[in-house]
Amino acid sequence: MSRTIFAKPDTNEQTIDLRESPVCPDGFIKMQAERPEQGDYIAQADGTWLEVVASLDETKAAKLKEINDWADQTLSKITSAYPHHEVVSWDKQEAEARKFLLDSGAYTPLLDALAAARGIDKAELCQRVVVKAELFQQLTGQVFGQRQKLEDLLDQADSVEAVEAIEVTQ
């Protein structure tokens, strides 16, 4: 069976035609070989593949995006369980809860409404809010610390290989 490789010049796009009389698609050229599986290659007008090697700055930028995406995704596993507007109220809830726990006569309109709607004691609600806030602060501190540690490693990396060796894990 015949295997003819065609590719679109200046891209990594290729197609393999298995017919006995292959037809080159519009905008494509016949290649000397199939695109290598390892690495990033683009088709050259002479039918060869050119490996594209990222610069240190490009590699660092991609790794920083990977690090930041990991941090966002890790925290989103917690916050995605709540509506956006509730999440943005967490600081206000915590401030009102702490104020109430210091002074039971403090003005706490958000927590008053929450306690009334849930049918629970405001003091109990305030305790729950503070506990959850502290747990979330610990989690965010761990995630931010890990993210910053990875960014420190990234800043110290002096080669593409060193950047690629940085493992972004949970």
Protein backbone atom coordinates (compact mmCIF):
# COMPACT_ATOMS: atom_id res chain seq x y z
CA MET A 1 0.00 0.00 0.00
CA SER A 2 1.30 3.43 -0.96
CA ARG A 3 1.74 6.14 1.72
CA THR A 4 2.14 9.67 0.46
CA ILE A 5 2.59 12.49 2.94
CA PHE A 6 1.33 15.97 2.20
CA ALA A 7 1.69 19.02 4.43
CA LYS A 8 0.73 22.65 4.47
CA PRO A 9 3.94 24.73 4.35
CA ASP A 10 4.86 26.75 7.47
CA THR A 11 2.47 24.69 9.63
CA ASN A 12 2.57 21.32 11.38
CA GLU A 13 -0.53 20.18 9.50
CA GLN A 14 -0.08 16.98 7.50
CA THR A 15 -2.27 14.47 5.74
CA ILE A 16 -1.48 10.92 4.65
CA ASP A 17 -2.93 9.64 1.40
CA LEU A 18 -3.10 5.84 1.12
CA ARG A 19 -4.49 5.72 -2.42
CA GLU A 20 -2.46 4.28 -5.30
CA SER A 21 -2.85 7.59 -7.13
CA PRO A 22 -2.55 10.16 -4.35
CA VAL A 23 -3.94 13.65 -4.82
CA CYS A 24 -2.26 16.63 -3.20
CA PRO A 25 -4.84 18.84 -1.43
CA ASP A 26 -4.94 22.54 -2.32
CA GLY A 27 -2.35 24.53 -0.40
CA PHE A 28 -0.34 21.42 0.52
CA ILE A 29 2.99 20.07 -0.77
CA LYS A 30 4.41 16.54 -1.02
CA MET A 31 6.72 15.75 1.89
CA GLN A 32 9.81 13.52 1.90
CA ALA A 33 8.73 11.84 5.15
CA GLU A 34 6.04 11.82 7.81
CA ARG A 35 6.24 14.50 10.52
CA PRO A 36 8.32 13.22 13.47
CA GLU A 37 6.20 12.28 16.48
CA GLN A 38 8.51 13.81 19.09
CA GLY A 39 8.93 17.58 19.10
CA ASP A 40 7.29 20.46 17.29
CA TYR A 41 7.87 20.55 13.53
CA ILE A 42 6.70 22.70 10.64
CA ALA A 43 6.69 21.80 6.95
CA GLN A 44 9.27 23.50 4.73
CA ALA A 45 8.69 24.32 1.06
CA ASP A 46 11.40 21.79 0.07
CA GLY A 47 9.37 18.90 1.56
CA THR A 48 11.36 18.56 4.78
CA TRP A 49 10.34 19.12 8.39
CA LEU A 50 11.99 21.83 10.52
CA GLU A 51 12.01 21.42 14.28
CA VAL A 52 10.76 24.50 16.08
CA VAL A 53 12.70 25.10 19.27
CA ALA A 54 11.19 27.49 21.78
CA SER A 55 13.41 30.16 23.31
CA LEU A 56 14.10 30.26 27.04
CA ASP A 57 11.73 33.22 27.42
CA GLU A 58 8.95 31.44 25.50
CA THR A 59 9.44 28.29 27.54
CA LYS A 60 9.38 30.25 30.79
CA ALA A 61 6.19 32.08 29.73
CA ALA A 62 4.49 28.77 28.92
CA LYS A 63 5.60 27.24 32.23
CA LEU A 64 4.38 30.29 34.18
CA LYS A 65 0.99 29.92 32.51
CA GLU A 66 0.97 26.23 33.48
CA ILE A 67 1.83 27.14 37.09
CA ASN A 68 -0.85 29.83 37.30
CA ASP A 69 -3.45 27.59 35.65
CA TRP A 70 -2.68 24.88 38.22
CA ALA A 71 -3.21 27.35 41.09
CA ASP A 72 -6.47 28.63 39.60
CA GLN A 73 -7.78 25.12 38.92
CA THR A 74 -6.86 23.92 42.40
CA LEU A 75 -8.75 26.76 44.08
CA SER A 76 -11.61 26.50 41.59
CA LYS A 77 -12.25 22.98 42.83
CA ILE A 78 -13.45 24.65 46.05
CA THR A 79 -15.04 27.85 44.76
CA SER A 80 -16.83 26.26 41.78
CA ALA A 81 -19.24 24.59 44.21
CA TYR A 82 -20.67 28.04 45.02
CA PRO A 83 -22.33 30.76 42.96
CA HIS A 84 -19.94 33.57 41.95
CA HIS A 85 -21.77 36.26 43.94
CA GLU A 86 -21.67 34.14 47.08
CA VAL A 87 -17.90 33.67 46.71
CA VAL A 88 -17.33 37.41 46.37
CA SER A 89 -19.30 37.90 49.60
CA TRP A 90 -17.02 35.65 51.66
CA ASP A 91 -14.80 38.50 52.89
CA LYS A 92 -17.87 40.49 53.93
CA GLN A 93 -19.36 37.44 55.67
CA GLU A 94 -16.12 36.86 57.56
CA ALA A 95 -15.78 40.52 58.57
CA GLU A 96 -19.37 40.62 59.85
CA ALA A 97 -18.96 37.28 61.67
CA ARG A 98 -15.79 38.41 63.44
CA LYS A 99 -17.40 41.74 64.33
CA PHE A 100 -20.47 39.96 65.76
CA LEU A 101 -18.36 37.49 67.76
CA LEU A 102 -16.62 40.47 69.42
CA ASP A 103 -19.84 42.45 69.89
CA SER A 104 -23.22 40.70 69.64
CA GLY A 105 -24.84 44.09 69.05
CA ALA A 106 -22.74 44.79 65.91
CA TYR A 107 -24.49 45.73 62.68
CA THR A 108 -24.36 42.64 60.39
CA PRO A 109 -26.97 42.98 57.64
CA LEU A 110 -25.60 40.20 55.40
CA LEU A 111 -25.39 37.64 58.17
CA ASP A 112 -28.77 38.73 59.60
CA ALA A 113 -30.34 37.94 56.22
CA LEU A 114 -28.42 34.65 55.85
CA ALA A 115 -29.34 33.43 59.34
CA ALA A 116 -32.99 34.37 58.87
CA ALA A 117 -33.21 32.71 55.43
CA ARG A 118 -31.58 29.52 56.73
CA GLY A 119 -33.51 29.52 59.97
CA ILE A 120 -30.39 29.14 62.14
CA ASP A 121 -29.00 31.04 65.10
CA LYS A 122 -26.81 33.97 64.04
CA ALA A 123 -24.09 33.11 66.58
CA GLU A 124 -23.87 29.58 65.18
CA LEU A 125 -23.72 30.95 61.63
CA CYS A 126 -20.91 33.31 62.63
CA GLN A 127 -18.91 30.42 64.10
CA ARG A 128 -19.36 28.40 60.90
CA VAL A 129 -18.36 31.34 58.70
CA VAL A 130 -15.14 31.93 60.68
CA VAL A 131 -14.18 28.23 60.65
CA LYS A 132 -14.75 27.96 56.89
CA ALA A 133 -12.89 31.22 56.27
CA GLU A 134 -9.87 30.00 58.22
CA LEU A 135 -9.85 26.66 56.39
CA PHE A 136 -10.05 28.44 53.04
CA GLN A 137 -7.24 30.81 54.06
CA GLN A 138 -5.04 27.83 54.95
CA LEU A 139 -5.76 26.18 51.61
CA THR A 140 -5.12 29.35 49.63
CA GLY A 141 -1.91 29.92 51.58
CA GLN A 142 -0.70 26.42 50.68
CA VAL A 143 -1.60 26.87 47.01
CA PHE A 144 -0.09 30.37 46.81
CA GLY A 145 3.05 29.16 48.59
CA GLN A 146 3.46 26.26 46.17
CA ARG A 147 2.80 28.55 43.20
CA GLN A 148 5.39 31.06 44.44
CA LYS A 149 7.92 28.26 45.08
CA LEU A 150 7.45 27.07 41.50
CA GLU A 151 7.81 30.63 40.24
CA ASP A 152 11.07 30.97 42.23
CA LEU A 153 12.36 27.80 40.53
CA LEU A 154 11.29 29.24 37.19
CA ASP A 155 13.17 32.49 37.89
CA GLN A 156 16.31 30.48 38.70
CA ALA A 157 16.08 28.28 35.60
CA ASP A 158 18.79 29.18 33.10
CA SER A 159 17.96 26.75 30.29
CA VAL A 160 14.97 25.36 28.44
CA GLU A 161 15.77 21.94 29.93
CA ALA A 162 15.75 23.37 33.48
CA VAL A 163 12.36 24.99 32.86
CA GLU A 164 10.91 21.78 31.39
CA ALA A 165 12.18 19.86 34.45
CA ILE A 166 9.95 21.92 36.77
CA GLU A 167 7.01 19.68 37.69
CA VAL A 168 3.71 21.37 38.36
CA THR A 169 1.88 18.93 40.60
CA GLN A 170 -0.83 18.99 43.18
